C-alpha atoms as a PDB file:
ATOM      1  CA  MET A   1    -146.760 158.744 -25.385  1.00  0.00           C
ATOM      2  CA  GLY A   2    -144.458 156.352 -27.182  1.00  0.00           C
ATOM      3  CA  GLU A   3    -145.485 152.885 -28.292  1.00  0.00           C
ATOM      4  CA  GLY A   4    -145.756 150.584 -25.275  1.00  0.00           C
ATOM      5  CA  ILE A   5    -144.661 153.201 -22.748  1.00  0.00           C
ATOM      6  CA  SER A   6    -147.263 154.058 -20.154  1.00  0.00           C
ATOM      7  CA  LEU A   7    -145.236 155.922 -17.521  1.00  0.00           C
ATOM      8  CA  ARG A   8    -142.486 158.498 -17.896  1.00  0.00           C
ATOM      9  CA  VAL A   9    -140.694 160.506 -15.216  1.00  0.00           C
ATOM     10  CA  TRP A  10    -138.752 163.708 -15.795  1.00  0.00           C
ATOM     11  CA  LEU A  11    -136.350 165.610 -13.604  1.00  0.00           C
ATOM     12  CA  SER A  12    -137.496 169.215 -13.934  1.00  0.00           C
ATOM     13  CA  THR A  13    -134.986 171.995 -13.320  1.00  0.00           C
ATOM     14  CA  GLU A  14    -134.733 175.664 -14.216  1.00  0.00           C
ATOM     15  CA  GLY A  15    -132.772 174.643 -17.307  1.00  0.00           C
ATOM     16  CA  GLY A  16    -135.494 172.288 -18.572  1.00  0.00           C
ATOM     17  CA  SER A  17    -136.594 168.691 -18.146  1.00  0.00           C
ATOM     18  CA  THR A  18    -134.665 165.456 -18.563  1.00  0.00           C
ATOM     19  CA  LEU A  19    -136.317 162.072 -19.022  1.00  0.00           C
ATOM     20  CA  ILE A  20    -134.911 159.789 -16.324  1.00  0.00           C
ATOM     21  CA  PHE A  21    -137.281 156.789 -16.281  1.00  0.00           C
ATOM     22  CA  GLU A  22    -139.859 155.106 -18.461  1.00  0.00           C
ATOM     23  CA  HIS A  23    -141.783 151.871 -18.125  1.00  0.00           C
ATOM     24  CA  GLY A  24    -144.277 150.093 -20.341  1.00  0.00           C
ATOM     25  CA  GLY A  25    -146.010 147.880 -17.799  1.00  0.00           C
ATOM     26  CA  THR A  26    -149.679 147.675 -16.948  1.00  0.00           C
ATOM     27  CA  TRP A  27    -151.697 148.293 -13.795  1.00  0.00           C
ATOM     28  CA  LEU A  28    -149.479 149.816 -11.066  1.00  0.00           C
ATOM     29  CA  HIS A  29    -146.324 147.886 -11.996  1.00  0.00           C
ATOM     30  CA  PRO A  30    -144.614 150.963 -13.533  1.00  0.00           C
ATOM     31  CA  LEU A  31    -144.959 152.837 -10.232  1.00  0.00           C
ATOM     32  CA  PHE A  32    -143.588 149.892  -8.246  1.00  0.00           C
ATOM     33  CA  ALA A  33    -140.678 149.773 -10.728  1.00  0.00           C
ATOM     34  CA  LEU A  34    -140.194 153.520 -10.271  1.00  0.00           C
ATOM     35  CA  GLU A  35    -139.968 152.986  -6.520  1.00  0.00           C
ATOM     36  CA  ALA A  36    -137.191 150.417  -7.028  1.00  0.00           C
ATOM     37  CA  TYR A  37    -135.404 152.799  -9.422  1.00  0.00           C
ATOM     38  CA  LEU A  38    -135.598 155.689  -6.964  1.00  0.00           C
ATOM     39  CA  ASP A  39    -134.289 153.455  -4.170  1.00  0.00           C
ATOM     40  CA  LEU A  40    -131.196 152.884  -6.339  1.00  0.00           C
ATOM     41  CA  HIS A  41    -130.879 156.635  -7.005  1.00  0.00           C
ATOM     42  CA  PRO A  42    -131.389 158.441  -3.677  1.00  0.00           C
ATOM     43  CA  GLU A  43    -129.590 161.496  -5.082  1.00  0.00           C
ATOM     44  CA  LEU A  44    -132.591 162.334  -7.273  1.00  0.00           C
ATOM     45  CA  PRO A  45    -134.600 165.196  -5.718  1.00  0.00           C
ATOM     46  CA  ARG A  46    -138.089 163.704  -5.594  1.00  0.00           C
ATOM     47  CA  GLY A  47    -139.701 167.109  -5.204  1.00  0.00           C
ATOM     48  CA  MET A  48    -138.385 168.006  -8.659  1.00  0.00           C
ATOM     49  CA  LEU A  49    -139.676 164.874 -10.393  1.00  0.00           C
ATOM     50  CA  VAL A  50    -142.702 164.934 -12.683  1.00  0.00           C
ATOM     51  CA  ILE A  51    -144.724 161.819 -13.500  1.00  0.00           C
ATOM     52  CA  ARG A  52    -146.520 161.557 -16.828  1.00  0.00           C
ATOM     53  CA  ASP A  53    -148.871 158.573 -17.151  1.00  0.00           C
ATOM     54  CA  ARG A  54    -151.841 157.549 -19.249  1.00  0.00           C
ATOM     55  CA  ILE A  55    -154.196 156.977 -16.318  1.00  0.00           C
ATOM     56  CA  ILE A  56    -153.951 158.071 -12.699  1.00  0.00           C
ATOM     57  CA  GLY A  57    -156.508 156.701 -10.290  1.00  0.00           C
ATOM     58  CA  ARG A  58    -156.574 156.707  -6.519  1.00  0.00           C
ATOM     59  CA  ALA A  59    -154.087 153.825  -6.199  1.00  0.00           C
ATOM     60  CA  ALA A  60    -151.530 155.490  -8.479  1.00  0.00           C
ATOM     61  CA  ALA A  61    -151.997 158.751  -6.577  1.00  0.00           C
ATOM     62  CA  PHE A  62    -151.287 156.980  -3.278  1.00  0.00           C
ATOM     63  CA  LEU A  63    -148.098 155.495  -4.750  1.00  0.00           C
ATOM     64  CA  ALA A  64    -146.936 158.808  -6.233  1.00  0.00           C
ATOM     65  CA  LEU A  65    -147.465 160.519  -2.883  1.00  0.00           C
ATOM     66  CA  ARG A  66    -145.602 157.700  -1.125  1.00  0.00           C
ATOM     67  CA  LEU A  67    -142.694 158.294  -3.500  1.00  0.00           C
ATOM     68  CA  GLY A  68    -142.694 161.990  -2.623  1.00  0.00           C
ATOM     69  CA  ILE A  69    -143.619 163.052  -6.145  1.00  0.00           C
ATOM     70  CA  HIS A  70    -145.985 165.997  -6.098  1.00  0.00           C
ATOM     71  CA  LYS A  71    -146.201 166.823  -9.797  1.00  0.00           C
ATOM     72  CA  VAL A  72    -148.324 164.382 -11.794  1.00  0.00           C
ATOM     73  CA  HIS A  73    -149.903 164.720 -15.227  1.00  0.00           C
ATOM     74  CA  ALA A  74    -152.244 162.118 -16.738  1.00  0.00           C
ATOM     75  CA  GLU A  75    -154.236 161.747 -19.889  1.00  0.00           C
ATOM     76  CA  ILE A  76    -157.121 160.399 -17.762  1.00  0.00           C
ATOM     77  CA  LEU A  77    -157.444 161.352 -14.125  1.00  0.00           C
ATOM     78  CA  SER A  78    -159.991 160.116 -11.596  1.00  0.00           C
ATOM     79  CA  ALA A  79    -161.800 162.472  -9.248  1.00  0.00           C
ATOM     80  CA  ARG A  80    -160.828 160.078  -6.437  1.00  0.00           C
ATOM     81  CA  ALA A  81    -157.146 160.723  -7.186  1.00  0.00           C
ATOM     82  CA  VAL A  82    -157.731 164.475  -7.317  1.00  0.00           C
ATOM     83  CA  SER A  83    -159.438 164.452  -3.904  1.00  0.00           C
ATOM     84  CA  LEU A  84    -156.513 162.519  -2.402  1.00  0.00           C
ATOM     85  CA  TYR A  85    -154.010 165.120  -3.605  1.00  0.00           C
ATOM     86  CA  ALA A  86    -156.314 168.041  -2.756  1.00  0.00           C
ATOM     87  CA  CYS A  87    -156.664 167.021   0.889  1.00  0.00           C
ATOM     88  CA  ARG A  88    -152.852 167.267   1.077  1.00  0.00           C
ATOM     89  CA  GLY A  89    -152.802 170.715  -0.526  1.00  0.00           C
ATOM     90  CA  GLN A  90    -151.398 169.439  -3.828  1.00  0.00           C
ATOM     91  CA  SER A  91    -152.821 169.153  -7.300  1.00  0.00           C
ATOM     92  CA  LEU A  92    -152.842 166.782 -10.241  1.00  0.00           C
ATOM     93  CA  ILE A  93    -153.165 167.755 -13.889  1.00  0.00           C
ATOM     94  CA  GLY A  94    -155.254 165.714 -16.279  1.00  0.00           C
ATOM     95  CA  ASP A  95    -156.408 166.032 -19.858  1.00  0.00           C
ATOM     96  CA  LYS A  96    -159.709 164.350 -18.998  1.00  0.00           C
ATOM     97  CA  LEU A  97    -161.314 164.042 -15.563  1.00  0.00           C
ATOM     98  CA  VAL A  98    -163.525 161.027 -14.857  1.00  0.00           C
ATOM     99  CA  GLU A  99    -165.472 160.238 -11.701  1.00  0.00           C
ATOM    100  CA  ARG A 100    -163.681 156.916 -11.232  1.00  0.00           C
ATOM    101  CA  ILE A 101    -161.382 154.516 -13.041  1.00  0.00           C
ATOM    102  CA  ASP A 102    -163.035 151.208 -13.922  1.00  0.00           C
ATOM    103  CA  CYS A 103    -160.631 149.165 -11.792  1.00  0.00           C
ATOM    104  CA  MET A 104    -161.139 146.990  -8.730  1.00  0.00           C
ATOM    105  CA  THR A 105    -158.151 148.639  -7.009  1.00  0.00           C
ATOM    106  CA  GLU A 106    -159.754 152.069  -7.444  1.00  0.00           C
ATOM    107  CA  ASP A 107    -162.891 150.754  -5.747  1.00  0.00           C
ATOM    108  CA  LEU A 108    -160.954 149.029  -2.934  1.00  0.00           C
ATOM    109  CA  LEU A 109    -159.273 152.317  -2.036  1.00  0.00           C
ATOM    110  CA  ALA A 110    -162.321 154.556  -2.486  1.00  0.00           C
ATOM    111  CA  ASP A 111    -162.846 155.092   1.247  1.00  0.00           C
ATOM    112  CA  ILE A 112    -159.218 154.710   2.364  1.00  0.00           C
ATOM    113  CA  SER A 113    -157.428 157.859   3.463  1.00  0.00           C
ATOM    114  CA  ASP A 114    -154.560 156.365   5.493  1.00  0.00           C
ATOM    115  CA  PRO A 115    -151.469 155.980   3.256  1.00  0.00           C
ATOM    116  CA  ASP A 116    -150.144 153.038   5.300  1.00  0.00           C
ATOM    117  CA  GLU A 117    -153.418 151.153   4.967  1.00  0.00           C
ATOM    118  CA  ALA A 118    -153.459 151.863   1.221  1.00  0.00           C
ATOM    119  CA  TRP A 119    -149.835 150.677   0.933  1.00  0.00           C
ATOM    120  CA  ALA A 120    -150.670 147.373   2.663  1.00  0.00           C
ATOM    121  CA  ILE A 121    -153.617 146.785   0.317  1.00  0.00           C
ATOM    122  CA  LEU A 122    -151.539 147.652  -2.756  1.00  0.00           C
ATOM    123  CA  CYS A 123    -148.679 145.372  -1.733  1.00  0.00           C
ATOM    124  CA  GLU A 124    -151.099 142.486  -1.240  1.00  0.00           C
ATOM    125  CA  ARG A 125    -152.775 143.155  -4.614  1.00  0.00           C
ATOM    126  CA  ARG A 126    -149.355 143.273  -6.268  1.00  0.00           C
ATOM    127  CA  ARG A 127    -148.340 140.007  -4.642  1.00  0.00           C
ATOM    128  CA  LEU A 128    -151.505 138.381  -5.982  1.00  0.00           C
ATOM    129  CA  ALA A 129    -151.061 139.957  -9.433  1.00  0.00           C
ATOM    130  CA  LEU A 130    -147.545 138.538  -9.648  1.00  0.00           C
ATOM    131  CA  GLY A 131    -148.879 135.087  -8.779  1.00  0.00           C
ATOM    132  CA  LEU A 132    -147.088 134.899  -5.462  1.00  0.00           C
ATOM    133  CA  SER A 133    -150.169 133.906  -3.473  1.00  0.00           C
ATOM    134  CA  GLY A 134    -148.691 130.561  -2.409  1.00  0.00           C
ATOM    135  CA  PHE A 135    -145.143 131.839  -2.015  1.00  0.00           C
ATOM    136  CA  SER A 136    -145.285 132.524   1.729  1.00  0.00           C
ATOM    137  CA  SER A 137    -147.051 129.239   2.463  1.00  0.00           C
ATOM    138  CA  ALA A 138    -144.501 127.220   0.467  1.00  0.00           C
ATOM    139  CA  LEU A 139    -141.616 128.828   2.335  1.00  0.00           C
ATOM    140  CA  ALA A 140    -143.257 128.142   5.669  1.00  0.00           C
ATOM    141  CA  GLU A 141    -143.724 124.464   4.792  1.00  0.00           C
ATOM    142  CA  ASP A 142    -140.108 124.116   3.586  1.00  0.00           C
ATOM    143  CA  SER A 143    -138.773 125.488   6.859  1.00  0.00           C
ATOM    144  CA  ARG A 144    -140.488 122.819   8.966  1.00  0.00           C
END
């Protein structure tokens, strides 16, 4: 992958593939950015999109499934992500399969199978990662 780019998404058609999105963020931020991008472009057929990322763990797999993207290729793929896709009759492609990604989010979602529960956990982790932990409290105090 290119310097600083961790996630790329192609629109795959019979005529070939076209790069439509790339993001150089860390953790799951590129997938959250992809969600915002897709919300702005509802005309894109999600079933024809292909994600290419460096690492796909269980959390990234949950997000990709939530986005309706069924074709995912990673340089490093966790067995936990593979099992999540497999139980839905879909598959992931990886250059290297590892048992687990060394990431707290991967461990938090290890036993989660409900996509809505996973989404709630991921949104809370994102909020904390962005430093918004006191945001809701501050707004509540200002409204009094």
